[in-house]
Amino acid sequence: RFPFNNFTYYLTLFLKYFLSFNYSTYTLLVSSQYLALEEIYLLFRAIFLNNLTY
């Protein structure tokens, strides 16, 4: 017979680990998207400012 309390305990630990990992991965993904947008913004800004000076 399988002890139900142990199953609940381990399932809770697993879900806490998985959800924290999933959230941190999502945070890193969103952060990298913002960094990529910032690089594009800086590139366009540099091109625009160079065109204004000529």
PDB file of N, CA and C in Angstrom:
ATOM      1  N   ARG A   1       0.833  -1.185   0.000  1.00  0.00           N
ATOM      2  CA  ARG A   1       0.000   0.000   0.000  1.00  0.00           C
ATOM      3  C   ARG A   1       0.879   1.250   0.000  1.00  0.00           C
ATOM      4  N   PHE A   2       0.532   2.206  -0.817  1.00  0.00           N
ATOM      5  CA  PHE A   2       1.318   3.434  -0.974  1.00  0.00           C
ATOM      6  C   PHE A   2       0.875   4.477   0.048  1.00  0.00           C
ATOM      7  N   PRO A   3       1.804   5.032   0.832  1.00  0.00           N
ATOM      8  CA  PRO A   3       1.418   6.053   1.815  1.00  0.00           C
ATOM      9  C   PRO A   3       1.050   7.366   1.122  1.00  0.00           C
ATOM     10  N   PHE A   4      -0.176   7.764   1.288  1.00  0.00           N
ATOM     11  CA  PHE A   4      -0.682   8.955   0.604  1.00  0.00           C
ATOM     12  C   PHE A   4      -0.002  10.233   1.094  1.00  0.00           C
ATOM     13  N   ASN A   5       0.324  10.312   2.377  1.00  0.00           N
ATOM     14  CA  ASN A   5       0.947  11.521   2.918  1.00  0.00           C
ATOM     15  C   ASN A   5       2.308  11.777   2.297  1.00  0.00           C
ATOM     16  N   ASN A   6       3.082  10.728   2.104  1.00  0.00           N
ATOM     17  CA  ASN A   6       4.386  10.901   1.463  1.00  0.00           C
ATOM     18  C   ASN A   6       4.227  11.362   0.021  1.00  0.00           C
ATOM     19  N   PHE A   7       3.252  10.799  -0.651  1.00  0.00           N
ATOM     20  CA  PHE A   7       3.004  11.201  -2.035  1.00  0.00           C
ATOM     21  C   PHE A   7       2.660  12.687  -2.113  1.00  0.00           C
ATOM     22  N   THR A   8       1.803  13.148  -1.228  1.00  0.00           N
ATOM     23  CA  THR A   8       1.420  14.561  -1.215  1.00  0.00           C
ATOM     24  C   THR A   8       2.621  15.435  -0.908  1.00  0.00           C
ATOM     25  N   TYR A   9       3.442  15.007   0.028  1.00  0.00           N
ATOM     26  CA  TYR A   9       4.634  15.769   0.404  1.00  0.00           C
ATOM     27  C   TYR A   9       5.583  15.900  -0.776  1.00  0.00           C
ATOM     28  N   TYR A  10       5.883  14.784  -1.441  1.00  0.00           N
ATOM     29  CA  TYR A  10       6.821  14.822  -2.560  1.00  0.00           C
ATOM     30  C   TYR A  10       6.242  15.552  -3.764  1.00  0.00           C
ATOM     31  N   LEU A  11       4.953  15.427  -3.986  1.00  0.00           N
ATOM     32  CA  LEU A  11       4.318  16.154  -5.078  1.00  0.00           C
ATOM     33  C   LEU A  11       4.390  17.656  -4.826  1.00  0.00           C
ATOM     34  N   THR A  12       4.178  18.061  -3.585  1.00  0.00           N
ATOM     35  CA  THR A  12       4.263  19.481  -3.240  1.00  0.00           C
ATOM     36  C   THR A  12       5.675  20.002  -3.453  1.00  0.00           C
ATOM     37  N   LEU A  13       6.669  19.242  -3.019  1.00  0.00           N
ATOM     38  CA  LEU A  13       8.055  19.654  -3.233  1.00  0.00           C
ATOM     39  C   LEU A  13       8.374  19.751  -4.716  1.00  0.00           C
ATOM     40  N   PHE A  14       7.923  18.760  -5.478  1.00  0.00           N
ATOM     41  CA  PHE A  14       8.175  18.760  -6.915  1.00  0.00           C
ATOM     42  C   PHE A  14       7.536  19.977  -7.575  1.00  0.00           C
ATOM     43  N   LEU A  15       6.294  20.272  -7.229  1.00  0.00           N
ATOM     44  CA  LEU A  15       5.611  21.413  -7.833  1.00  0.00           C
ATOM     45  C   LEU A  15       6.268  22.731  -7.450  1.00  0.00           C
ATOM     46  N   LYS A  16       6.696  22.856  -6.203  1.00  0.00           N
ATOM     47  CA  LYS A  16       7.385  24.078  -5.790  1.00  0.00           C
ATOM     48  C   LYS A  16       8.669  24.256  -6.587  1.00  0.00           C
ATOM     49  N   TYR A  17       9.417  23.172  -6.752  1.00  0.00           N
ATOM     50  CA  TYR A  17      10.655  23.252  -7.524  1.00  0.00           C
ATOM     51  C   TYR A  17      10.351  23.585  -8.976  1.00  0.00           C
ATOM     52  N   PHE A  18       9.402  22.893  -9.568  1.00  0.00           N
ATOM     53  CA  PHE A  18       9.095  23.091 -10.978  1.00  0.00           C
ATOM     54  C   PHE A  18       8.554  24.490 -11.237  1.00  0.00           C
ATOM     55  N   LEU A  19       7.655  24.965 -10.389  1.00  0.00           N
ATOM     56  CA  LEU A  19       7.077  26.286 -10.602  1.00  0.00           C
ATOM     57  C   LEU A  19       8.113  27.385 -10.416  1.00  0.00           C
ATOM     58  N   SER A  20       9.011  27.240  -9.463  1.00  0.00           N
ATOM     59  CA  SER A  20      10.048  28.253  -9.289  1.00  0.00           C
ATOM     60  C   SER A  20      11.003  28.235 -10.469  1.00  0.00           C
ATOM     61  N   PHE A  21      11.314  27.049 -10.981  1.00  0.00           N
ATOM     62  CA  PHE A  21      12.185  26.956 -12.149  1.00  0.00           C
ATOM     63  C   PHE A  21      11.498  27.566 -13.364  1.00  0.00           C
ATOM     64  N   ASN A  22      10.232  27.256 -13.535  1.00  0.00           N
ATOM     65  CA  ASN A  22       9.483  27.771 -14.675  1.00  0.00           C
ATOM     66  C   ASN A  22       9.400  29.293 -14.622  1.00  0.00           C
ATOM     67  N   TYR A  23       9.158  29.849 -13.451  1.00  0.00           N
ATOM     68  CA  TYR A  23       9.061  31.301 -13.309  1.00  0.00           C
ATOM     69  C   TYR A  23      10.401  31.964 -13.589  1.00  0.00           C
ATOM     70  N   SER A  24      11.487  31.393 -13.060  1.00  0.00           N
ATOM     71  CA  SER A  24      12.797  32.000 -13.287  1.00  0.00           C
ATOM     72  C   SER A  24      13.191  31.896 -14.749  1.00  0.00           C
ATOM     73  N   THR A  25      12.833  30.804 -15.407  1.00  0.00           N
ATOM     74  CA  THR A  25      13.123  30.679 -16.831  1.00  0.00           C
ATOM     75  C   THR A  25      12.338  31.716 -17.618  1.00  0.00           C
ATOM     76  N   TYR A  26      11.083  31.912 -17.267  1.00  0.00           N
ATOM     77  CA  TYR A  26      10.263  32.921 -17.941  1.00  0.00           C
ATOM     78  C   TYR A  26      10.839  34.313 -17.712  1.00  0.00           C
ATOM     79  N   THR A  27      11.304  34.580 -16.505  1.00  0.00           N
ATOM     80  CA  THR A  27      11.887  35.880 -16.202  1.00  0.00           C
ATOM     81  C   THR A  27      13.131  36.115 -17.031  1.00  0.00           C
ATOM     82  N   LEU A  28      13.971  35.096 -17.155  1.00  0.00           N
ATOM     83  CA  LEU A  28      15.166  35.232 -17.980  1.00  0.00           C
ATOM     84  C   LEU A  28      14.806  35.449 -19.438  1.00  0.00           C
ATOM     85  N   LEU A  29      13.790  34.760 -19.906  1.00  0.00           N
ATOM     86  CA  LEU A  29      13.364  34.914 -21.292  1.00  0.00           C
ATOM     87  C   LEU A  29      12.873  36.333 -21.550  1.00  0.00           C
ATOM     88  N   VAL A  30      12.056  36.855 -20.664  1.00  0.00           N
ATOM     89  CA  VAL A  30      11.544  38.213 -20.827  1.00  0.00           C
ATOM     90  C   VAL A  30      12.678  39.217 -20.724  1.00  0.00           C
ATOM     91  N   SER A  31      13.608  39.008 -19.799  1.00  0.00           N
ATOM     92  CA  SER A  31      14.744  39.917 -19.653  1.00  0.00           C
ATOM     93  C   SER A  31      15.584  39.942 -20.919  1.00  0.00           C
ATOM     94  N   SER A  32      15.816  38.782 -21.511  1.00  0.00           N
ATOM     95  CA  SER A  32      16.621  38.744 -22.730  1.00  0.00           C
ATOM     96  C   SER A  32      15.895  39.412 -23.889  1.00  0.00           C
ATOM     97  N   GLN A  33      14.560  39.329 -23.907  1.00  0.00           N
ATOM     98  CA  GLN A  33      13.805  40.023 -24.954  1.00  0.00           C
ATOM     99  C   GLN A  33      13.937  41.531 -24.790  1.00  0.00           C
ATOM    100  N   TYR A  34      13.880  42.023 -23.565  1.00  0.00           N
ATOM    101  CA  TYR A  34      14.045  43.453 -23.345  1.00  0.00           C
ATOM    102  C   TYR A  34      15.454  43.905 -23.703  1.00  0.00           C
ATOM    103  N   LEU A  35      16.446  43.084 -23.401  1.00  0.00           N
ATOM    104  CA  LEU A  35      17.811  43.432 -23.773  1.00  0.00           C
ATOM    105  C   LEU A  35      17.960  43.491 -25.285  1.00  0.00           C
ATOM    106  N   ALA A  36      17.329  42.555 -25.986  1.00  0.00           N
ATOM    107  CA  ALA A  36      17.382  42.568 -27.445  1.00  0.00           C
ATOM    108  C   ALA A  36      16.698  43.817 -27.990  1.00  0.00           C
ATOM    109  N   LEU A  37      15.563  44.199 -27.409  1.00  0.00           N
ATOM    110  CA  LEU A  37      14.882  45.419 -27.847  1.00  0.00           C
ATOM    111  C   LEU A  37      15.737  46.653 -27.582  1.00  0.00           C
ATOM    112  N   GLU A  38      16.441  46.651 -26.468  1.00  0.00           N
ATOM    113  CA  GLU A  38      17.305  47.789 -26.153  1.00  0.00           C
ATOM    114  C   GLU A  38      18.432  47.901 -27.167  1.00  0.00           C
ATOM    115  N   GLU A  39      19.008  46.769 -27.580  1.00  0.00           N
ATOM    116  CA  GLU A  39      20.068  46.797 -28.586  1.00  0.00           C
ATOM    117  C   GLU A  39      19.548  47.354 -29.903  1.00  0.00           C
ATOM    118  N   ILE A  40      18.354  46.950 -30.301  1.00  0.00           N
ATOM    119  CA  ILE A  40      17.763  47.457 -31.543  1.00  0.00           C
ATOM    120  C   ILE A  40      17.494  48.954 -31.423  1.00  0.00           C
ATOM    121  N   TYR A  41      16.979  49.372 -30.279  1.00  0.00           N
ATOM    122  CA  TYR A  41      16.708  50.792 -30.051  1.00  0.00           C
ATOM    123  C   TYR A  41      17.995  51.608 -30.141  1.00  0.00           C
ATOM    124  N   LEU A  42      19.054  51.140 -29.496  1.00  0.00           N
ATOM    125  CA  LEU A  42      20.316  51.875 -29.529  1.00  0.00           C
ATOM    126  C   LEU A  42      20.884  51.933 -30.939  1.00  0.00           C
ATOM    127  N   LEU A  43      20.720  50.866 -31.704  1.00  0.00           N
ATOM    128  CA  LEU A  43      21.199  50.844 -33.086  1.00  0.00           C
ATOM    129  C   LEU A  43      20.447  51.874 -33.928  1.00  0.00           C
ATOM    130  N   PHE A  44      19.111  51.864 -33.849  1.00  0.00           N
ATOM    131  CA  PHE A  44      18.327  52.836 -34.615  1.00  0.00           C
ATOM    132  C   PHE A  44      18.597  54.264 -34.159  1.00  0.00           C
ATOM    133  N   ARG A  45      18.793  54.438 -32.889  1.00  0.00           N
ATOM    134  CA  ARG A  45      19.079  55.777 -32.361  1.00  0.00           C
ATOM    135  C   ARG A  45      20.402  56.292 -32.909  1.00  0.00           C
ATOM    136  N   ALA A  46      21.418  55.422 -32.938  1.00  0.00           N
ATOM    137  CA  ALA A  46      22.719  55.818 -33.473  1.00  0.00           C
ATOM    138  C   ALA A  46      22.614  56.153 -34.960  1.00  0.00           C
ATOM    139  N   ILE A  47      21.877  55.358 -35.710  1.00  0.00           N
ATOM    140  CA  ILE A  47      21.704  55.628 -37.142  1.00  0.00           C
ATOM    141  C   ILE A  47      20.966  56.946 -37.341  1.00  0.00           C
ATOM    142  N   PHE A  48      19.919  57.169 -36.580  1.00  0.00           N
ATOM    143  CA  PHE A  48      19.128  58.395 -36.699  1.00  0.00           C
ATOM    144  C   PHE A  48      19.960  59.620 -36.343  1.00  0.00           C
ATOM    145  N   LEU A  49      20.721  59.546 -35.262  1.00  0.00           N
ATOM    146  CA  LEU A  49      21.542  60.688 -34.855  1.00  0.00           C
ATOM    147  C   LEU A  49      22.644  60.958 -35.863  1.00  0.00           C
ATOM    148  N   ASN A  50      23.210  59.914 -36.458  1.00  0.00           N
ATOM    149  CA  ASN A  50      24.236  60.110 -37.481  1.00  0.00           C
ATOM    150  C   ASN A  50      23.646  60.774 -38.716  1.00  0.00           C
ATOM    151  N   ASN A  51      22.421  60.435 -39.074  1.00  0.00           N
ATOM    152  CA  ASN A  51      21.781  61.052 -40.237  1.00  0.00           C
ATOM    153  C   ASN A  51      21.433  62.512 -39.980  1.00  0.00           C
ATOM    154  N   LEU A  52      21.165  62.877 -38.754  1.00  0.00           N
ATOM    155  CA  LEU A  52      20.857  64.272 -38.441  1.00  0.00           C
ATOM    156  C   LEU A  52      22.088  65.159 -38.550  1.00  0.00           C
ATOM    157  N   THR A  53      23.258  64.618 -38.277  1.00  0.00           N
ATOM    158  CA  THR A  53      24.470  65.436 -38.290  1.00  0.00           C
ATOM    159  C   THR A  53      24.986  65.665 -39.695  1.00  0.00           C
ATOM    160  N   TYR A  54      24.550  64.892 -40.673  1.00  0.00           N
ATOM    161  CA  TYR A  54      25.028  65.084 -42.055  1.00  0.00           C
ATOM    162  C   TYR A  54      24.150  66.013 -42.823  1.00  0.00           C
TER     163      TYR A  54
END
